[in-house]
Protein backbone atom coordinates (compact mmCIF):
# COMPACT_ATOMS: atom_id res chain seq x y z
CA UNK A 1 0.00 0.00 0.00
CA UNK A 2 1.44 3.37 -0.97
CA UNK A 3 1.09 6.45 1.12
CA UNK A 4 -0.79 9.19 -0.73
CA UNK A 5 -0.07 12.81 -0.02
CA UNK A 6 -2.67 15.49 -0.29
CA UNK A 7 -1.75 18.98 -1.33
CA UNK A 8 -3.49 21.96 0.19
CA UNK A 9 -3.31 25.11 -1.89
CA UNK A 10 -3.77 28.44 -0.18
CA UNK A 11 -5.66 31.02 -2.25
CA UNK A 12 -3.58 33.93 -3.49
CA UNK A 13 -4.55 37.17 -1.81
CA UNK A 14 -5.05 40.16 -4.09
CA UNK A 15 -4.04 43.72 -3.25
CA UNK A 16 -7.32 45.37 -4.14
CA UNK A 17 -10.74 46.13 -2.71
CA UNK A 18 -14.02 44.46 -3.61
CA UNK A 19 -15.92 46.66 -6.08
CA UNK A 20 -19.23 45.71 -4.45
CA UNK A 21 -18.66 46.01 -0.69
CA UNK A 22 -15.21 47.63 -0.43
CA UNK A 23 -13.75 44.79 1.65
CA UNK A 24 -10.02 44.02 1.52
CA UNK A 25 -10.72 40.27 1.88
CA UNK A 26 -10.18 39.66 -1.84
CA UNK A 27 -8.43 36.59 -3.23
CA UNK A 28 -7.54 35.27 -6.65
CA UNK A 29 -10.18 32.62 -7.27
CA UNK A 30 -8.91 31.25 -10.57
CA UNK A 31 -5.52 31.57 -12.22
CA UNK A 32 -5.31 30.69 -15.89
CA UNK A 33 -2.44 30.82 -18.35
CA UNK A 34 -3.01 34.44 -19.38
CA UNK A 35 -2.95 37.36 -16.94
CA UNK A 36 -6.09 38.91 -18.46
CA UNK A 37 -8.18 35.91 -17.42
CA UNK A 38 -7.71 36.19 -13.64
CA UNK A 39 -10.86 35.76 -11.60
CA UNK A 40 -11.17 37.42 -8.18
CA UNK A 41 -13.67 36.87 -5.40
CA UNK A 42 -14.53 38.59 -2.16
CA UNK A 43 -14.63 36.46 0.98
CA UNK A 44 -17.00 38.95 2.65
CA UNK A 45 -19.87 39.26 0.15
CA UNK A 46 -19.04 36.48 -2.36
CA UNK A 47 -18.88 38.81 -5.37
CA UNK A 48 -16.74 37.49 -8.26
CA UNK A 49 -15.22 39.60 -11.01
CA UNK A 50 -12.53 39.42 -13.65
CA UNK A 51 -9.78 41.63 -15.00
CA UNK A 52 -12.06 43.35 -17.52
CA UNK A 53 -14.46 44.61 -14.84
CA UNK A 54 -11.55 45.66 -12.64
CA UNK A 55 -10.03 47.68 -15.48
CA UNK A 56 -13.36 49.31 -16.34
CA UNK A 57 -13.93 50.39 -12.72
CA UNK A 58 -10.43 51.88 -12.33
């Protein structure tokens, strides 16, 4: 019997505020191969947004 290891990945924290509630509890929810396809989510209100929305709101 082989011993299986499980890997726990910590979410990457983002240095920005949630556009909905203003919370700083934002993390990178999905990392893809291109930087323009990042998906963020807020741990306070659950709002998810991508790079396009972030750029439009800046």
